[in-house]
Amino acid sequence: MQFLRFVMLVLGVFAIAMGLLWMGQGTGLVMWPASSFMLADRTWAVNGAVLALVGGIVVWLARKRISR
């Protein structure tokens, strides 16, 4: 079970990082890479926010289960 918790934690952190990147690209704060189709597209900002939220929930659940 400890391995599953570790995997959940890693995936959650990865989802948060990707979500924040998508939000940055979607809002136009992160203009990298220059050829990306996601730049300044609000749809990707919303998708990134949802992904970061899901990642946060996964991390919270993994941490909650680790403390038991």
N, C-alpha and C. Protein backbone atom coordinates (compact mmCIF):
# COMPACT_ATOMS: atom_id res chain seq x y z
N MET A 1 0.80 -1.20 0.00
CA MET A 1 0.00 0.00 0.00
C MET A 1 0.85 1.26 0.00
N GLN A 2 2.00 1.20 0.60
CA GLN A 2 2.89 2.35 0.65
C GLN A 2 3.31 2.77 -0.76
N PHE A 3 3.50 1.80 -1.64
CA PHE A 3 3.87 2.10 -3.02
C PHE A 3 2.75 2.85 -3.73
N LEU A 4 1.51 2.43 -3.52
CA LEU A 4 0.36 3.10 -4.14
C LEU A 4 0.24 4.54 -3.65
N ARG A 5 0.47 4.77 -2.40
CA ARG A 5 0.42 6.12 -1.86
C ARG A 5 1.50 6.99 -2.48
N PHE A 6 2.69 6.43 -2.65
CA PHE A 6 3.78 7.16 -3.27
C PHE A 6 3.44 7.50 -4.72
N VAL A 7 2.87 6.56 -5.45
CA VAL A 7 2.48 6.80 -6.84
C VAL A 7 1.41 7.88 -6.90
N MET A 8 0.44 7.83 -5.99
CA MET A 8 -0.60 8.87 -5.95
C MET A 8 0.00 10.24 -5.69
N LEU A 9 0.95 10.30 -4.79
CA LEU A 9 1.60 11.56 -4.46
C LEU A 9 2.36 12.12 -5.66
N VAL A 10 3.11 11.27 -6.33
CA VAL A 10 3.88 11.71 -7.50
C VAL A 10 2.95 12.16 -8.62
N LEU A 11 1.92 11.39 -8.91
CA LEU A 11 0.97 11.76 -9.96
C LEU A 11 0.23 13.05 -9.61
N GLY A 12 -0.11 13.23 -8.36
CA GLY A 12 -0.78 14.45 -7.94
C GLY A 12 0.09 15.68 -8.11
N VAL A 13 1.34 15.58 -7.72
CA VAL A 13 2.28 16.70 -7.88
C VAL A 13 2.50 16.98 -9.36
N PHE A 14 2.63 15.94 -10.17
CA PHE A 14 2.79 16.12 -11.61
C PHE A 14 1.56 16.80 -12.21
N ALA A 15 0.37 16.42 -11.78
CA ALA A 15 -0.86 17.03 -12.28
C ALA A 15 -0.93 18.50 -11.89
N ILE A 16 -0.52 18.83 -10.68
CA ILE A 16 -0.50 20.23 -10.25
C ILE A 16 0.45 21.03 -11.12
N ALA A 17 1.66 20.50 -11.34
CA ALA A 17 2.65 21.21 -12.15
C ALA A 17 2.15 21.42 -13.58
N MET A 18 1.58 20.37 -14.18
CA MET A 18 1.06 20.49 -15.54
C MET A 18 -0.11 21.47 -15.59
N GLY A 19 -0.97 21.41 -14.60
CA GLY A 19 -2.10 22.32 -14.55
C GLY A 19 -1.67 23.77 -14.45
N LEU A 20 -0.66 24.03 -13.64
CA LEU A 20 -0.16 25.40 -13.52
C LEU A 20 0.50 25.86 -14.82
N LEU A 21 1.21 24.97 -15.50
CA LEU A 21 1.80 25.31 -16.79
C LEU A 21 0.70 25.63 -17.81
N TRP A 22 -0.33 24.80 -17.86
CA TRP A 22 -1.43 25.04 -18.79
C TRP A 22 -2.13 26.35 -18.46
N MET A 23 -2.30 26.64 -17.18
CA MET A 23 -2.93 27.90 -16.80
C MET A 23 -2.07 29.09 -17.25
N GLY A 24 -0.78 28.97 -17.05
CA GLY A 24 0.13 30.04 -17.47
C GLY A 24 0.12 30.25 -18.98
N GLN A 25 0.11 29.16 -19.72
CA GLN A 25 0.05 29.27 -21.17
C GLN A 25 -1.30 29.80 -21.62
N GLY A 26 -2.37 29.33 -21.02
CA GLY A 26 -3.71 29.75 -21.41
C GLY A 26 -3.98 31.22 -21.14
N THR A 27 -3.40 31.75 -20.08
CA THR A 27 -3.58 33.16 -19.76
C THR A 27 -2.57 34.06 -20.46
N GLY A 28 -1.57 33.46 -21.07
CA GLY A 28 -0.56 34.25 -21.76
C GLY A 28 0.60 34.67 -20.89
N LEU A 29 0.66 34.18 -19.66
CA LEU A 29 1.78 34.51 -18.78
C LEU A 29 3.03 33.74 -19.14
N VAL A 30 2.85 32.52 -19.62
CA VAL A 30 3.98 31.68 -20.05
C VAL A 30 3.85 31.53 -21.56
N MET A 31 4.74 32.14 -22.28
CA MET A 31 4.70 32.09 -23.74
C MET A 31 5.77 31.14 -24.26
N TRP A 32 5.75 29.92 -23.75
CA TRP A 32 6.73 28.92 -24.12
C TRP A 32 6.03 27.59 -24.30
N PRO A 33 6.35 26.80 -25.25
CA PRO A 33 7.17 27.11 -26.43
C PRO A 33 6.40 28.02 -27.39
N ALA A 34 7.13 28.73 -28.20
CA ALA A 34 6.53 29.73 -29.07
C ALA A 34 5.55 29.12 -30.08
N SER A 35 5.72 27.86 -30.41
CA SER A 35 4.86 27.23 -31.41
C SER A 35 3.65 26.53 -30.79
N SER A 36 3.42 26.69 -29.50
CA SER A 36 2.34 25.99 -28.82
C SER A 36 0.97 26.55 -29.24
N PHE A 37 0.03 25.66 -29.43
CA PHE A 37 -1.33 26.05 -29.78
C PHE A 37 -2.12 26.49 -28.55
N MET A 38 -1.57 26.35 -27.38
CA MET A 38 -2.27 26.64 -26.13
C MET A 38 -2.08 28.09 -25.68
N LEU A 39 -1.20 28.83 -26.31
CA LEU A 39 -0.85 30.17 -25.85
C LEU A 39 -2.03 31.12 -25.98
N ALA A 40 -2.32 31.83 -24.90
CA ALA A 40 -3.37 32.85 -24.83
C ALA A 40 -4.73 32.30 -25.23
N ASP A 41 -5.00 31.05 -24.89
CA ASP A 41 -6.30 30.43 -25.15
C ASP A 41 -6.92 30.11 -23.79
N ARG A 42 -7.97 30.84 -23.43
CA ARG A 42 -8.58 30.71 -22.10
C ARG A 42 -9.09 29.30 -21.82
N THR A 43 -9.40 28.54 -22.85
CA THR A 43 -9.84 27.16 -22.64
C THR A 43 -8.78 26.37 -21.89
N TRP A 44 -7.53 26.59 -22.25
CA TRP A 44 -6.44 25.87 -21.60
C TRP A 44 -6.20 26.37 -20.18
N ALA A 45 -6.53 27.62 -19.92
CA ALA A 45 -6.44 28.12 -18.54
C ALA A 45 -7.45 27.41 -17.66
N VAL A 46 -8.66 27.21 -18.17
CA VAL A 46 -9.69 26.50 -17.41
C VAL A 46 -9.31 25.03 -17.25
N ASN A 47 -8.86 24.40 -18.34
CA ASN A 47 -8.42 23.00 -18.26
C ASN A 47 -7.29 22.84 -17.25
N GLY A 48 -6.36 23.78 -17.23
CA GLY A 48 -5.25 23.73 -16.28
C GLY A 48 -5.71 23.88 -14.85
N ALA A 49 -6.68 24.75 -14.63
CA ALA A 49 -7.20 24.93 -13.27
C ALA A 49 -7.88 23.66 -12.78
N VAL A 50 -8.63 23.01 -13.66
CA VAL A 50 -9.29 21.76 -13.28
C VAL A 50 -8.26 20.68 -12.99
N LEU A 51 -7.23 20.57 -13.84
CA LEU A 51 -6.19 19.56 -13.63
C LEU A 51 -5.43 19.82 -12.33
N ALA A 52 -5.10 21.07 -12.05
CA ALA A 52 -4.40 21.40 -10.80
C ALA A 52 -5.27 21.09 -9.59
N LEU A 53 -6.55 21.35 -9.69
CA LEU A 53 -7.46 21.04 -8.59
C LEU A 53 -7.54 19.53 -8.35
N VAL A 54 -7.66 18.76 -9.42
CA VAL A 54 -7.70 17.30 -9.29
C VAL A 54 -6.38 16.80 -8.69
N GLY A 55 -5.26 17.34 -9.15
CA GLY A 55 -3.97 16.96 -8.59
C GLY A 55 -3.87 17.29 -7.12
N GLY A 56 -4.41 18.44 -6.72
CA GLY A 56 -4.41 18.80 -5.31
C GLY A 56 -5.24 17.84 -4.47
N ILE A 57 -6.36 17.42 -5.00
CA ILE A 57 -7.19 16.44 -4.29
C ILE A 57 -6.47 15.12 -4.16
N VAL A 58 -5.79 14.68 -5.21
CA VAL A 58 -5.05 13.42 -5.16
C VAL A 58 -3.92 13.50 -4.13
N VAL A 59 -3.20 14.62 -4.11
CA VAL A 59 -2.13 14.79 -3.12
C VAL A 59 -2.72 14.80 -1.71
N TRP A 60 -3.83 15.49 -1.53
CA TRP A 60 -4.48 15.54 -0.21
C TRP A 60 -4.89 14.14 0.24
N LEU A 61 -5.48 13.38 -0.67
CA LEU A 61 -5.88 12.01 -0.32
C LEU A 61 -4.67 11.14 0.00
N ALA A 62 -3.60 11.28 -0.77
CA ALA A 62 -2.40 10.48 -0.52
C ALA A 62 -1.79 10.85 0.83
N ARG A 63 -1.73 12.14 1.14
CA ARG A 63 -1.17 12.57 2.41
C ARG A 63 -2.06 12.14 3.58
N LYS A 64 -3.35 12.18 3.38
CA LYS A 64 -4.28 11.78 4.42
C LYS A 64 -4.11 10.30 4.74
N ARG A 65 -3.94 9.50 3.72
CA ARG A 65 -3.78 8.06 3.92
C ARG A 65 -2.40 7.72 4.48
N ILE A 66 -1.38 8.52 4.17
CA ILE A 66 -0.04 8.28 4.69
C ILE A 66 -0.02 8.49 6.20
N SER A 67 -0.76 9.49 6.68
CA SER A 67 -0.71 9.81 8.10
C SER A 67 -1.39 8.76 8.97
N ARG A 68 -2.16 7.88 8.37
CA ARG A 68 -2.84 6.84 9.17
C ARG A 68 -1.91 5.76 9.61
